[in-house]
Every structure is written in C-alpha cells, then in structure tokens.
Amino acid sequence: MRQTKTLASVQGCFAGAVTGLALLLAALPASAHHMMGGQVPSNGFEGFMSGLAHPVIGLDHLAFVAASGLVAIGAARGWIVPVVFAAAALGGTGLHLQSWDLPFPELMVSGSVVLFGLLLAMGRQLPTVALGAIALVAGLFHGYAYGESIVGAGMVPLTAYLVGFTAIQLTIALGVRGLVQQLAEGSIAQTLRYIGFAIVGAGAAFLASALGA
C-alpha cells in the first residue's frame, strides 16, 4: 500500500512539473530554445553542444522524444519508433536547409505531442507500424524546426549539430523507455497513463502558444 501511494505521489508530481514547465517555456521567446541564444554555431564544439541542447531546452521536442520511447512499450520491436523519429528528424532538418517549406511546423510539433500523450493517457496500443508512421511524420516537422537554428552554419558545425541532436534524442527516448519499464514493473500501464496526461497538458500549452503566435 505504501509503495502504491509513493508511486501515485511521484506520478502526480511528475505531471504537475511537466505541465508547469510547459506553461513557463511556452511563454519564452523562440531564442530561449536555442543553446547559442539565436546565434549560428561557428565550430564543431558549438555545433555539437547546440545539437545536444536543442531537444532538451525546447520542452515541446523533449516531451515528444520521451513519448516516442514510451508509446510503444509492450509492442513488438517498439524501440523502432524512436529510431524512426530520430532518422526522420535528420531528414526534416535537411528539408529546412534546402529551403523547403513545411506547412505550420509549430502546430504540427505541438499536435504531435498531444497525439502521443493521448495514446499514452488512454492506454491505446497501436501496432508498431502505425506508431512508426506517426513518428516519421512528426520527426520531419521536429527536424524542420531544429533546422532553424543551424541555417547558415558551415559543414563542420552542421555535422556536429546533427550528430548531437540525434545522439541525445536516442539516449533520452531509449533511456526513459528502459527506466519506466524497470521502475514501474507491475504497474506500468497506470504509470504510462499518468505520464500521458502530463504530456497532453504540456502539448496543449504548446498548441495554445502556437495558435496565439
């Protein structure tokens, strides 16, 4: 009983913290979501650090990265979902660098957070192929948004940036997936629902911010 109460308390604190941070960071200017304060990285170190930071500083990206690791827990080869997302994000960044225009990127990023949050909150287990398809589309838009901070960079900082944000996304997604599987053994469905509600709250805050921009 004590363990159940402790788990519920932790879940409640997590939900409140994520939603509160979402409301705070959604109100920040776009430059606050970039490691370099809006400046283009000029060398490999700056590029790598910027790549590591962008998916973490931007809580909309962070929420989806974490959700991509959680949403396929229990599915066959569920680890494929975050891998597909990370690969698609590379493609999305490439589209931005090639001056392609994707419609409503901020809305799509926020909407993807809400969608994966809802899947977690409702306990819906879609096939891995369907989740991978959603992750593919979402990755293109998240990557497109990442590309804004690296436009105009040289080849070395650009390559380092791509390596950095790909590495951190896979580390977070697969790490969170493994952590939840270990810590919530026996109550994983309920834990995922709590996390899902928190992610929905975060996504709704970002969506409201994007619509009001």
N, C-alpha and C. Protein backbone atom coordinates (compact mmCIF):
# COMPACT_ATOMS: atom_id res chain seq x y z
N MET A 1 0.83 -1.21 0.00
CA MET A 1 0.00 0.00 0.00
C MET A 1 0.87 1.26 0.00
N ARG A 2 1.92 1.23 0.86
CA ARG A 2 2.80 2.39 0.92
C ARG A 2 3.50 2.62 -0.41
N GLN A 3 3.91 1.50 -1.08
CA GLN A 3 4.56 1.62 -2.38
C GLN A 3 3.62 2.21 -3.41
N THR A 4 2.33 1.81 -3.34
CA THR A 4 1.34 2.34 -4.28
C THR A 4 1.15 3.83 -4.09
N LYS A 5 1.06 4.26 -2.81
CA LYS A 5 0.90 5.68 -2.52
C LYS A 5 2.11 6.48 -2.97
N THR A 6 3.30 5.91 -2.75
CA THR A 6 4.53 6.59 -3.17
C THR A 6 4.56 6.75 -4.67
N LEU A 7 4.21 5.69 -5.40
CA LEU A 7 4.20 5.74 -6.85
C LEU A 7 3.20 6.78 -7.35
N ALA A 8 2.01 6.81 -6.74
CA ALA A 8 1.00 7.79 -7.14
C ALA A 8 1.48 9.21 -6.87
N SER A 9 2.18 9.40 -5.75
CA SER A 9 2.71 10.73 -5.42
C SER A 9 3.75 11.17 -6.43
N VAL A 10 4.64 10.25 -6.78
CA VAL A 10 5.67 10.57 -7.77
C VAL A 10 5.03 10.89 -9.12
N GLN A 11 4.03 10.10 -9.50
CA GLN A 11 3.34 10.34 -10.77
C GLN A 11 2.66 11.70 -10.79
N GLY A 12 2.01 12.06 -9.66
CA GLY A 12 1.35 13.35 -9.58
C GLY A 12 2.33 14.50 -9.65
N CYS A 13 3.45 14.37 -8.96
CA CYS A 13 4.48 15.42 -9.01
C CYS A 13 5.04 15.56 -10.42
N PHE A 14 5.25 14.41 -11.09
CA PHE A 14 5.76 14.44 -12.46
C PHE A 14 4.80 15.18 -13.37
N ALA A 15 3.52 14.86 -13.25
CA ALA A 15 2.52 15.50 -14.10
C ALA A 15 2.49 17.00 -13.87
N GLY A 16 2.51 17.41 -12.59
CA GLY A 16 2.48 18.83 -12.29
C GLY A 16 3.72 19.55 -12.77
N ALA A 17 4.88 18.91 -12.60
CA ALA A 17 6.13 19.53 -13.01
C ALA A 17 6.20 19.72 -14.52
N VAL A 18 5.83 18.68 -15.26
CA VAL A 18 5.88 18.77 -16.73
C VAL A 18 4.92 19.84 -17.24
N THR A 19 3.69 19.85 -16.71
CA THR A 19 2.72 20.83 -17.17
C THR A 19 3.14 22.24 -16.81
N GLY A 20 3.68 22.42 -15.60
CA GLY A 20 4.14 23.74 -15.18
C GLY A 20 5.29 24.24 -16.03
N LEU A 21 6.25 23.36 -16.31
CA LEU A 21 7.36 23.74 -17.17
C LEU A 21 6.89 24.06 -18.57
N ALA A 22 5.91 23.32 -19.04
CA ALA A 22 5.37 23.58 -20.38
C ALA A 22 4.78 24.99 -20.45
N LEU A 23 3.99 25.35 -19.45
CA LEU A 23 3.38 26.68 -19.45
C LEU A 23 4.45 27.77 -19.39
N LEU A 24 5.51 27.52 -18.61
CA LEU A 24 6.57 28.51 -18.49
C LEU A 24 7.37 28.65 -19.78
N LEU A 25 7.81 27.52 -20.33
CA LEU A 25 8.66 27.57 -21.51
C LEU A 25 7.90 27.97 -22.76
N ALA A 26 6.60 27.67 -22.79
CA ALA A 26 5.81 28.07 -23.95
C ALA A 26 5.73 29.59 -24.06
N ALA A 27 5.89 30.27 -22.92
CA ALA A 27 5.81 31.72 -22.92
C ALA A 27 7.15 32.38 -23.24
N LEU A 28 8.22 31.59 -23.28
CA LEU A 28 9.53 32.16 -23.57
C LEU A 28 9.67 32.48 -25.05
N PRO A 29 10.51 33.47 -25.40
CA PRO A 29 10.77 33.75 -26.81
C PRO A 29 11.48 32.60 -27.47
N ALA A 30 11.35 32.52 -28.80
CA ALA A 30 11.94 31.40 -29.53
C ALA A 30 13.43 31.29 -29.31
N SER A 31 14.14 32.43 -29.16
CA SER A 31 15.58 32.39 -28.99
C SER A 31 15.99 31.66 -27.72
N ALA A 32 15.07 31.58 -26.73
CA ALA A 32 15.40 30.90 -25.49
C ALA A 32 15.45 29.39 -25.67
N HIS A 33 14.98 28.89 -26.80
CA HIS A 33 15.00 27.46 -27.07
C HIS A 33 16.28 27.06 -27.80
N HIS A 34 17.25 27.94 -27.89
CA HIS A 34 18.49 27.65 -28.61
C HIS A 34 19.68 27.82 -27.68
N MET A 35 20.59 26.85 -27.72
CA MET A 35 21.77 26.86 -26.87
C MET A 35 22.61 28.12 -27.08
N MET A 36 22.70 28.59 -28.33
CA MET A 36 23.56 29.71 -28.68
C MET A 36 22.84 31.05 -28.60
N GLY A 37 21.65 31.08 -28.02
CA GLY A 37 20.92 32.33 -27.90
C GLY A 37 20.53 32.92 -29.24
N GLY A 38 20.30 32.07 -30.23
CA GLY A 38 19.91 32.55 -31.55
C GLY A 38 21.07 32.71 -32.51
N GLN A 39 22.31 32.55 -32.01
CA GLN A 39 23.49 32.66 -32.87
C GLN A 39 23.79 31.32 -33.54
N VAL A 40 24.29 31.38 -34.78
CA VAL A 40 24.63 30.16 -35.51
C VAL A 40 25.96 29.62 -34.99
N PRO A 41 26.05 28.32 -34.67
CA PRO A 41 27.32 27.74 -34.21
C PRO A 41 28.43 27.95 -35.25
N SER A 42 29.63 28.26 -34.77
CA SER A 42 30.72 28.58 -35.69
C SER A 42 31.80 27.52 -35.74
N ASN A 43 31.73 26.50 -34.88
CA ASN A 43 32.72 25.43 -34.90
C ASN A 43 32.08 24.12 -34.46
N GLY A 44 32.87 23.06 -34.50
CA GLY A 44 32.33 21.75 -34.20
C GLY A 44 31.82 21.62 -32.78
N PHE A 45 32.54 22.19 -31.82
CA PHE A 45 32.12 22.10 -30.42
C PHE A 45 30.79 22.80 -30.21
N GLU A 46 30.67 24.02 -30.72
CA GLU A 46 29.42 24.76 -30.58
C GLU A 46 28.27 24.04 -31.28
N GLY A 47 28.56 23.47 -32.44
CA GLY A 47 27.53 22.74 -33.17
C GLY A 47 27.05 21.52 -32.38
N PHE A 48 28.00 20.78 -31.82
CA PHE A 48 27.64 19.57 -31.07
C PHE A 48 26.85 19.93 -29.81
N MET A 49 27.31 20.95 -29.08
CA MET A 49 26.62 21.35 -27.86
C MET A 49 25.22 21.89 -28.17
N SER A 50 25.10 22.62 -29.26
CA SER A 50 23.80 23.14 -29.66
C SER A 50 22.86 21.99 -30.02
N GLY A 51 23.41 20.99 -30.71
CA GLY A 51 22.61 19.82 -31.06
C GLY A 51 22.15 19.05 -29.83
N LEU A 52 23.03 18.92 -28.84
CA LEU A 52 22.66 18.25 -27.60
C LEU A 52 21.58 19.02 -26.86
N ALA A 53 21.67 20.34 -26.90
CA ALA A 53 20.79 21.18 -26.07
C ALA A 53 19.40 21.39 -26.67
N HIS A 54 19.32 21.50 -27.99
CA HIS A 54 18.05 21.92 -28.60
C HIS A 54 16.87 21.01 -28.23
N PRO A 55 17.01 19.68 -28.32
CA PRO A 55 15.86 18.84 -27.96
C PRO A 55 15.54 18.86 -26.46
N VAL A 56 16.47 19.36 -25.64
CA VAL A 56 16.25 19.40 -24.19
C VAL A 56 15.69 20.75 -23.76
N ILE A 57 16.24 21.84 -24.31
CA ILE A 57 15.77 23.18 -23.96
C ILE A 57 14.36 23.40 -24.48
N GLY A 58 14.08 22.91 -25.68
CA GLY A 58 12.73 23.03 -26.22
C GLY A 58 11.86 21.92 -25.65
N LEU A 59 11.03 22.22 -24.66
CA LEU A 59 10.28 21.18 -23.96
C LEU A 59 9.25 20.50 -24.86
N ASP A 60 8.80 21.19 -25.91
CA ASP A 60 7.90 20.53 -26.85
C ASP A 60 8.60 19.36 -27.52
N HIS A 61 9.86 19.59 -27.92
CA HIS A 61 10.64 18.50 -28.52
C HIS A 61 10.93 17.42 -27.47
N LEU A 62 11.33 17.84 -26.27
CA LEU A 62 11.67 16.89 -25.22
C LEU A 62 10.49 15.99 -24.87
N ALA A 63 9.30 16.58 -24.78
CA ALA A 63 8.12 15.80 -24.43
C ALA A 63 7.85 14.73 -25.48
N PHE A 64 8.00 15.09 -26.76
CA PHE A 64 7.73 14.10 -27.80
C PHE A 64 8.82 13.04 -27.84
N VAL A 65 10.07 13.45 -27.66
CA VAL A 65 11.17 12.48 -27.65
C VAL A 65 10.93 11.43 -26.57
N ALA A 66 10.57 11.89 -25.36
CA ALA A 66 10.28 10.95 -24.27
C ALA A 66 9.08 10.07 -24.62
N ALA A 67 8.03 10.68 -25.16
CA ALA A 67 6.83 9.93 -25.52
C ALA A 67 7.11 8.89 -26.59
N SER A 68 8.02 9.20 -27.51
CA SER A 68 8.33 8.24 -28.57
C SER A 68 8.97 6.97 -28.02
N GLY A 69 9.64 7.10 -26.88
CA GLY A 69 10.21 5.92 -26.26
C GLY A 69 9.21 5.14 -25.43
N LEU A 70 8.16 5.82 -24.96
CA LEU A 70 7.18 5.20 -24.07
C LEU A 70 5.98 4.61 -24.78
N VAL A 71 5.60 5.23 -25.90
CA VAL A 71 4.31 4.89 -26.51
C VAL A 71 4.28 3.47 -27.06
N ALA A 72 5.44 2.91 -27.35
CA ALA A 72 5.46 1.56 -27.92
C ALA A 72 5.93 0.51 -26.92
N ILE A 73 5.94 0.87 -25.62
CA ILE A 73 6.27 -0.15 -24.61
C ILE A 73 5.23 -1.27 -24.69
N GLY A 74 5.70 -2.47 -24.81
CA GLY A 74 4.79 -3.61 -24.93
C GLY A 74 4.56 -4.04 -26.37
N ALA A 75 4.90 -3.16 -27.32
CA ALA A 75 4.73 -3.51 -28.73
C ALA A 75 5.96 -4.28 -29.23
N ALA A 76 5.75 -5.10 -30.22
CA ALA A 76 6.85 -5.85 -30.80
C ALA A 76 7.84 -4.88 -31.45
N ARG A 77 9.11 -5.01 -31.08
CA ARG A 77 10.17 -4.15 -31.63
C ARG A 77 9.81 -2.67 -31.48
N GLY A 78 9.30 -2.31 -30.32
CA GLY A 78 8.88 -0.94 -30.09
C GLY A 78 10.01 0.07 -30.14
N TRP A 79 11.25 -0.38 -29.94
CA TRP A 79 12.40 0.52 -30.00
C TRP A 79 12.53 1.17 -31.37
N ILE A 80 11.88 0.58 -32.37
CA ILE A 80 11.97 1.13 -33.73
C ILE A 80 11.35 2.52 -33.79
N VAL A 81 10.34 2.80 -32.97
CA VAL A 81 9.62 4.07 -33.04
C VAL A 81 10.54 5.27 -32.80
N PRO A 82 11.32 5.32 -31.69
CA PRO A 82 12.22 6.45 -31.53
C PRO A 82 13.34 6.50 -32.56
N VAL A 83 13.75 5.34 -33.05
CA VAL A 83 14.79 5.33 -34.09
C VAL A 83 14.27 5.96 -35.38
N VAL A 84 13.03 5.61 -35.75
CA VAL A 84 12.40 6.21 -36.93
C VAL A 84 12.26 7.71 -36.74
N PHE A 85 11.84 8.12 -35.55
CA PHE A 85 11.69 9.55 -35.27
C PHE A 85 13.02 10.28 -35.44
N ALA A 86 14.08 9.74 -34.86
CA ALA A 86 15.39 10.40 -34.93
C ALA A 86 15.88 10.50 -36.37
N ALA A 87 15.68 9.43 -37.15
CA ALA A 87 16.09 9.45 -38.55
C ALA A 87 15.28 10.46 -39.35
N ALA A 88 13.97 10.52 -39.08
CA ALA A 88 13.12 11.47 -39.79
C ALA A 88 13.48 12.91 -39.43
N ALA A 89 13.89 13.13 -38.17
CA ALA A 89 14.29 14.47 -37.75
C ALA A 89 15.51 14.95 -38.55
N LEU A 90 16.42 14.04 -38.84
CA LEU A 90 17.55 14.39 -39.71
C LEU A 90 17.05 14.83 -41.08
N GLY A 91 16.08 14.08 -41.61
CA GLY A 91 15.51 14.45 -42.90
C GLY A 91 14.81 15.78 -42.86
N GLY A 92 14.08 16.05 -41.77
CA GLY A 92 13.38 17.33 -41.64
C GLY A 92 14.34 18.50 -41.59
N THR A 93 15.45 18.33 -40.88
CA THR A 93 16.46 19.38 -40.84
C THR A 93 17.03 19.62 -42.23
N GLY A 94 17.26 18.52 -42.96
CA GLY A 94 17.75 18.64 -44.33
C GLY A 94 16.79 19.41 -45.22
N LEU A 95 15.49 19.17 -45.05
CA LEU A 95 14.49 19.91 -45.84
C LEU A 95 14.57 21.40 -45.55
N HIS A 96 14.75 21.76 -44.28
CA HIS A 96 14.86 23.18 -43.93
C HIS A 96 16.10 23.79 -44.56
N LEU A 97 17.21 23.07 -44.49
CA LEU A 97 18.46 23.58 -45.05
C LEU A 97 18.39 23.71 -46.56
N GLN A 98 17.53 22.92 -47.20
CA GLN A 98 17.35 23.00 -48.65
C GLN A 98 16.24 23.98 -49.02
N SER A 99 15.78 24.75 -48.03
CA SER A 99 14.78 25.81 -48.24
C SER A 99 13.41 25.27 -48.64
N TRP A 100 13.11 24.04 -48.25
CA TRP A 100 11.75 23.53 -48.45
C TRP A 100 10.85 24.14 -47.38
N ASP A 101 9.59 24.30 -47.72
CA ASP A 101 8.63 24.85 -46.77
C ASP A 101 7.65 23.76 -46.33
N LEU A 102 7.63 23.48 -45.04
CA LEU A 102 6.63 22.58 -44.48
C LEU A 102 5.55 23.43 -43.81
N PRO A 103 4.29 23.12 -44.04
CA PRO A 103 3.21 23.96 -43.51
C PRO A 103 3.03 23.82 -42.00
N PHE A 104 2.84 24.95 -41.34
CA PHE A 104 2.50 25.00 -39.91
C PHE A 104 3.39 24.11 -39.04
N PRO A 105 4.71 24.31 -39.09
CA PRO A 105 5.59 23.42 -38.32
C PRO A 105 5.35 23.44 -36.82
N GLU A 106 5.12 24.64 -36.24
CA GLU A 106 4.93 24.71 -34.79
C GLU A 106 3.64 24.01 -34.37
N LEU A 107 2.59 24.16 -35.18
CA LEU A 107 1.33 23.48 -34.87
C LEU A 107 1.49 21.97 -34.97
N MET A 108 2.23 21.52 -35.97
CA MET A 108 2.43 20.08 -36.14
C MET A 108 3.27 19.50 -35.01
N VAL A 109 4.29 20.25 -34.57
CA VAL A 109 5.11 19.80 -33.45
C VAL A 109 4.26 19.67 -32.19
N SER A 110 3.49 20.72 -31.89
CA SER A 110 2.64 20.70 -30.69
C SER A 110 1.57 19.62 -30.80
N GLY A 111 0.98 19.48 -31.99
CA GLY A 111 -0.05 18.47 -32.20
C GLY A 111 0.48 17.06 -32.02
N SER A 112 1.73 16.84 -32.43
CA SER A 112 2.31 15.51 -32.27
C SER A 112 2.49 15.16 -30.80
N VAL A 113 2.83 16.17 -29.99
CA VAL A 113 2.97 15.95 -28.55
C VAL A 113 1.62 15.55 -27.95
N VAL A 114 0.58 16.29 -28.32
CA VAL A 114 -0.77 15.98 -27.82
C VAL A 114 -1.19 14.57 -28.25
N LEU A 115 -0.93 14.20 -29.49
CA LEU A 115 -1.35 12.90 -30.02
C LEU A 115 -0.70 11.75 -29.26
N PHE A 116 0.61 11.79 -29.12
CA PHE A 116 1.29 10.70 -28.40
C PHE A 116 0.91 10.71 -26.92
N GLY A 117 0.69 11.91 -26.36
CA GLY A 117 0.24 11.98 -24.98
C GLY A 117 -1.12 11.33 -24.80
N LEU A 118 -2.02 11.57 -25.74
CA LEU A 118 -3.35 10.96 -25.67
C LEU A 118 -3.28 9.44 -25.78
N LEU A 119 -2.43 8.95 -26.66
CA LEU A 119 -2.28 7.50 -26.81
C LEU A 119 -1.82 6.87 -25.49
N LEU A 120 -0.89 7.55 -24.82
CA LEU A 120 -0.42 7.06 -23.53
C LEU A 120 -1.52 7.15 -22.47
N ALA A 121 -2.19 8.30 -22.42
CA ALA A 121 -3.21 8.53 -21.39
C ALA A 121 -4.38 7.56 -21.52
N MET A 122 -4.75 7.23 -22.75
CA MET A 122 -5.89 6.33 -22.97
C MET A 122 -5.50 4.86 -22.94
N GLY A 123 -4.20 4.59 -22.87
CA GLY A 123 -3.76 3.21 -22.84
C GLY A 123 -3.94 2.49 -24.15
N ARG A 124 -3.95 3.25 -25.23
CA ARG A 124 -4.14 2.65 -26.56
C ARG A 124 -2.81 2.15 -27.10
N GLN A 125 -2.76 0.88 -27.50
CA GLN A 125 -1.55 0.30 -28.05
C GLN A 125 -1.73 0.07 -29.55
N LEU A 126 -1.23 1.00 -30.35
CA LEU A 126 -1.29 0.85 -31.80
C LEU A 126 -0.18 -0.08 -32.26
N PRO A 127 -0.34 -0.69 -33.44
CA PRO A 127 0.74 -1.51 -33.99
C PRO A 127 2.01 -0.68 -34.18
N THR A 128 3.14 -1.34 -34.10
CA THR A 128 4.42 -0.64 -34.24
C THR A 128 4.50 0.09 -35.57
N VAL A 129 3.95 -0.49 -36.62
CA VAL A 129 4.00 0.15 -37.94
C VAL A 129 3.25 1.48 -37.92
N ALA A 130 2.08 1.50 -37.29
CA ALA A 130 1.30 2.74 -37.20
C ALA A 130 2.02 3.79 -36.37
N LEU A 131 2.59 3.37 -35.24
CA LEU A 131 3.35 4.30 -34.40
C LEU A 131 4.57 4.82 -35.14
N GLY A 132 5.21 3.94 -35.90
CA GLY A 132 6.37 4.36 -36.68
C GLY A 132 6.01 5.37 -37.75
N ALA A 133 4.84 5.20 -38.36
CA ALA A 133 4.39 6.15 -39.38
C ALA A 133 4.14 7.52 -38.77
N ILE A 134 3.51 7.54 -37.58
CA ILE A 134 3.29 8.82 -36.90
C ILE A 134 4.62 9.46 -36.53
N ALA A 135 5.54 8.64 -36.01
CA ALA A 135 6.86 9.14 -35.63
C ALA A 135 7.61 9.69 -36.84
N LEU A 136 7.43 9.07 -38.00
CA LEU A 136 8.08 9.52 -39.22
C LEU A 136 7.62 10.93 -39.59
N VAL A 137 6.31 11.12 -39.62
CA VAL A 137 5.77 12.44 -39.97
C VAL A 137 6.17 13.48 -38.92
N ALA A 138 6.03 13.10 -37.65
CA ALA A 138 6.39 14.03 -36.57
C ALA A 138 7.87 14.39 -36.64
N GLY A 139 8.70 13.40 -36.92
CA GLY A 139 10.14 13.65 -37.00
C GLY A 139 10.50 14.66 -38.06
N LEU A 140 9.81 14.62 -39.19
CA LEU A 140 10.08 15.60 -40.25
C LEU A 140 9.82 17.02 -39.76
N PHE A 141 8.74 17.21 -39.01
CA PHE A 141 8.40 18.55 -38.54
C PHE A 141 9.28 18.99 -37.37
N HIS A 142 9.59 18.06 -36.47
CA HIS A 142 10.51 18.41 -35.38
C HIS A 142 11.89 18.75 -35.95
N GLY A 143 12.36 17.94 -36.90
CA GLY A 143 13.65 18.21 -37.52
C GLY A 143 13.66 19.51 -38.29
N TYR A 144 12.54 19.80 -38.94
CA TYR A 144 12.42 21.08 -39.67
C TYR A 144 12.57 22.24 -38.70
N ALA A 145 11.96 22.11 -37.51
CA ALA A 145 12.08 23.16 -36.50
C ALA A 145 13.52 23.26 -35.99
N TYR A 146 14.18 22.12 -35.81
CA TYR A 146 15.59 22.14 -35.39
C TYR A 146 16.45 22.91 -36.39
N GLY A 147 16.13 22.74 -37.66
CA GLY A 147 16.95 23.32 -38.72
C GLY A 147 17.07 24.82 -38.66
N GLU A 148 16.09 25.49 -38.04
CA GLU A 148 16.10 26.95 -37.97
C GLU A 148 17.36 27.47 -37.29
N SER A 149 17.86 26.74 -36.30
CA SER A 149 18.99 27.23 -35.51
C SER A 149 20.34 26.93 -36.14
N ILE A 150 20.36 26.22 -37.26
CA ILE A 150 21.64 25.84 -37.87
C ILE A 150 21.78 26.37 -39.30
N VAL A 151 20.77 27.08 -39.79
CA VAL A 151 20.83 27.64 -41.14
C VAL A 151 22.01 28.62 -41.23
N GLY A 152 22.85 28.44 -42.24
CA GLY A 152 23.99 29.32 -42.43
C GLY A 152 25.27 28.81 -41.82
N ALA A 153 25.22 27.69 -41.09
CA ALA A 153 26.43 27.15 -40.46
C ALA A 153 27.28 26.42 -41.49
N GLY A 154 28.59 26.34 -41.20
CA GLY A 154 29.49 25.60 -42.07
C GLY A 154 29.31 24.10 -41.92
N MET A 155 30.01 23.34 -42.74
CA MET A 155 29.83 21.89 -42.75
C MET A 155 30.20 21.24 -41.43
N VAL A 156 31.30 21.69 -40.81
CA VAL A 156 31.75 21.07 -39.55
C VAL A 156 30.75 21.28 -38.42
N PRO A 157 30.35 22.54 -38.11
CA PRO A 157 29.34 22.71 -37.05
C PRO A 157 28.00 22.08 -37.40
N LEU A 158 27.64 22.06 -38.68
CA LEU A 158 26.38 21.44 -39.10
C LEU A 158 26.40 19.94 -38.81
N THR A 159 27.49 19.28 -39.22
CA THR A 159 27.60 17.84 -38.98
C THR A 159 27.59 17.53 -37.49
N ALA A 160 28.32 18.33 -36.72
CA ALA A 160 28.37 18.13 -35.27
C ALA A 160 26.99 18.33 -34.65
N TYR A 161 26.25 19.31 -35.15
CA TYR A 161 24.89 19.58 -34.66
C TYR A 161 23.99 18.37 -34.90
N LEU A 162 24.05 17.82 -36.11
CA LEU A 162 23.22 16.67 -36.45
C LEU A 162 23.56 15.46 -35.59
N VAL A 163 24.86 15.24 -35.38
CA VAL A 163 25.28 14.13 -34.52
C VAL A 163 24.78 14.35 -33.10
N GLY A 164 24.90 15.58 -32.62
CA GLY A 164 24.49 15.90 -31.25
C GLY A 164 23.01 15.69 -31.01
N PHE A 165 22.17 16.24 -31.88
CA PHE A 165 20.73 16.11 -31.60
C PHE A 165 20.21 14.70 -31.86
N THR A 166 20.85 13.97 -32.77
CA THR A 166 20.44 12.58 -32.97
C THR A 166 20.82 11.73 -31.77
N ALA A 167 22.04 11.92 -31.26
CA ALA A 167 22.51 11.15 -30.11
C ALA A 167 21.67 11.41 -28.87
N ILE A 168 21.36 12.67 -28.60
CA ILE A 168 20.63 12.99 -27.37
C ILE A 168 19.18 12.51 -27.46
N GLN A 169 18.59 12.56 -28.65
CA GLN A 169 17.21 12.09 -28.79
C GLN A 169 17.12 10.58 -28.55
N LEU A 170 18.03 9.83 -29.13
CA LEU A 170 18.01 8.38 -28.94
C LEU A 170 18.32 8.02 -27.49
N THR A 171 19.25 8.74 -26.89
CA THR A 171 19.60 8.48 -25.49
C THR A 171 18.41 8.72 -24.57
N ILE A 172 17.72 9.85 -24.78
CA ILE A 172 16.57 10.17 -23.94
C ILE A 172 15.43 9.18 -24.16
N ALA A 173 15.07 8.96 -25.42
CA ALA A 173 13.92 8.10 -25.73
C ALA A 173 14.13 6.67 -25.22
N LEU A 174 15.27 6.09 -25.54
CA LEU A 174 15.52 4.71 -25.13
C LEU A 174 15.81 4.62 -23.64
N GLY A 175 16.44 5.67 -23.08
CA GLY A 175 16.71 5.69 -21.65
C GLY A 175 15.44 5.78 -20.83
N VAL A 176 14.53 6.69 -21.20
CA VAL A 176 13.26 6.82 -20.50
C VAL A 176 12.45 5.54 -20.63
N ARG A 177 12.47 4.96 -21.80
CA ARG A 177 11.75 3.71 -22.03
C ARG A 177 12.23 2.62 -21.07
N GLY A 178 13.55 2.45 -21.00
CA GLY A 178 14.11 1.43 -20.12
C GLY A 178 13.87 1.73 -18.65
N LEU A 179 13.97 3.02 -18.27
CA LEU A 179 13.78 3.41 -16.88
C LEU A 179 12.36 3.13 -16.40
N VAL A 180 11.38 3.52 -17.21
CA VAL A 180 9.99 3.29 -16.83
C VAL A 180 9.68 1.80 -16.76
N GLN A 181 10.23 1.03 -17.68
CA GLN A 181 10.00 -0.42 -17.66
C GLN A 181 10.52 -1.04 -16.37
N GLN A 182 11.65 -0.52 -15.86
CA GLN A 182 12.23 -1.08 -14.65
C GLN A 182 11.52 -0.59 -13.39
N LEU A 183 11.30 0.73 -13.29
CA LEU A 183 10.76 1.32 -12.07
C LEU A 183 9.28 1.02 -11.88
N ALA A 184 8.55 0.88 -12.98
CA ALA A 184 7.09 0.72 -12.89
C ALA A 184 6.66 -0.71 -13.15
N GLU A 185 7.55 -1.66 -12.96
CA GLU A 185 7.21 -3.06 -13.20
C GLU A 185 6.02 -3.46 -12.33
N GLY A 186 4.98 -4.00 -12.96
CA GLY A 186 3.78 -4.40 -12.25
C GLY A 186 2.70 -3.35 -12.28
N SER A 187 3.06 -2.09 -12.52
CA SER A 187 2.04 -1.03 -12.60
C SER A 187 2.33 -0.12 -13.78
N ILE A 188 2.93 -0.70 -14.82
CA ILE A 188 3.41 0.11 -15.93
C ILE A 188 2.29 0.79 -16.69
N ALA A 189 1.14 0.12 -16.83
CA ALA A 189 0.02 0.71 -17.57
C ALA A 189 -0.47 1.98 -16.89
N GLN A 190 -0.61 1.93 -15.57
CA GLN A 190 -1.07 3.10 -14.82
C GLN A 190 -0.04 4.22 -14.87
N THR A 191 1.23 3.86 -14.77
CA THR A 191 2.30 4.86 -14.84
C THR A 191 2.29 5.57 -16.18
N LEU A 192 2.15 4.80 -17.25
CA LEU A 192 2.13 5.40 -18.59
C LEU A 192 0.93 6.33 -18.76
N ARG A 193 -0.19 6.00 -18.14
CA ARG A 193 -1.37 6.87 -18.25
C ARG A 193 -1.11 8.20 -17.55
N TYR A 194 -0.51 8.17 -16.37
CA TYR A 194 -0.18 9.41 -15.67
C TYR A 194 0.77 10.27 -16.51
N ILE A 195 1.80 9.63 -17.03
CA ILE A 195 2.75 10.35 -17.87
C ILE A 195 2.05 10.90 -19.10
N GLY A 196 1.15 10.11 -19.68
CA GLY A 196 0.41 10.55 -20.85
C GLY A 196 -0.40 11.80 -20.58
N PHE A 197 -1.09 11.85 -19.44
CA PHE A 197 -1.87 13.04 -19.09
C PHE A 197 -0.96 14.26 -18.95
N ALA A 198 0.22 14.07 -18.36
CA ALA A 198 1.17 15.17 -18.22
C ALA A 198 1.62 15.68 -19.58
N ILE A 199 1.89 14.75 -20.50
CA ILE A 199 2.34 15.13 -21.84
C ILE A 199 1.23 15.82 -22.61
N VAL A 200 -0.01 15.36 -22.43
CA VAL A 200 -1.14 16.04 -23.07
C VAL A 200 -1.23 17.48 -22.57
N GLY A 201 -1.07 17.68 -21.26
CA GLY A 201 -1.10 19.03 -20.71
C GLY A 201 -0.01 19.90 -21.29
N ALA A 202 1.19 19.33 -21.41
CA ALA A 202 2.29 20.07 -22.00
C ALA A 202 2.00 20.41 -23.45
N GLY A 203 1.53 19.42 -24.20
CA GLY A 203 1.23 19.64 -25.61
C GLY A 203 0.15 20.68 -25.81
N ALA A 204 -0.87 20.67 -24.94
CA ALA A 204 -1.94 21.65 -25.05
C ALA A 204 -1.41 23.06 -24.82
N ALA A 205 -0.48 23.20 -23.87
CA ALA A 205 0.12 24.52 -23.62
C ALA A 205 0.89 25.00 -24.84
N PHE A 206 1.66 24.10 -25.44
CA PHE A 206 2.43 24.48 -26.63
C PHE A 206 1.51 24.80 -27.80
N LEU A 207 0.43 24.02 -27.93
CA LEU A 207 -0.51 24.24 -29.03
C LEU A 207 -1.19 25.59 -28.87
N ALA A 208 -1.57 25.93 -27.66
CA ALA A 208 -2.19 27.24 -27.41
C ALA A 208 -1.23 28.36 -27.73
N SER A 209 0.04 28.17 -27.37
CA SER A 209 1.06 29.18 -27.66
C SER A 209 1.26 29.35 -29.16
N ALA A 210 1.30 28.20 -29.88
CA ALA A 210 1.49 28.26 -31.34
C ALA A 210 0.31 28.92 -32.03
N LEU A 211 -0.89 28.64 -31.56
CA LEU A 211 -2.09 29.24 -32.16
C LEU A 211 -2.15 30.74 -31.89
N GLY A 212 -1.59 31.15 -30.75
CA GLY A 212 -1.63 32.57 -30.40
C GLY A 212 -0.49 33.37 -30.97
N ALA A 213 0.48 32.68 -31.59
CA ALA A 213 1.65 33.38 -32.13
C ALA A 213 1.28 34.17 -33.39
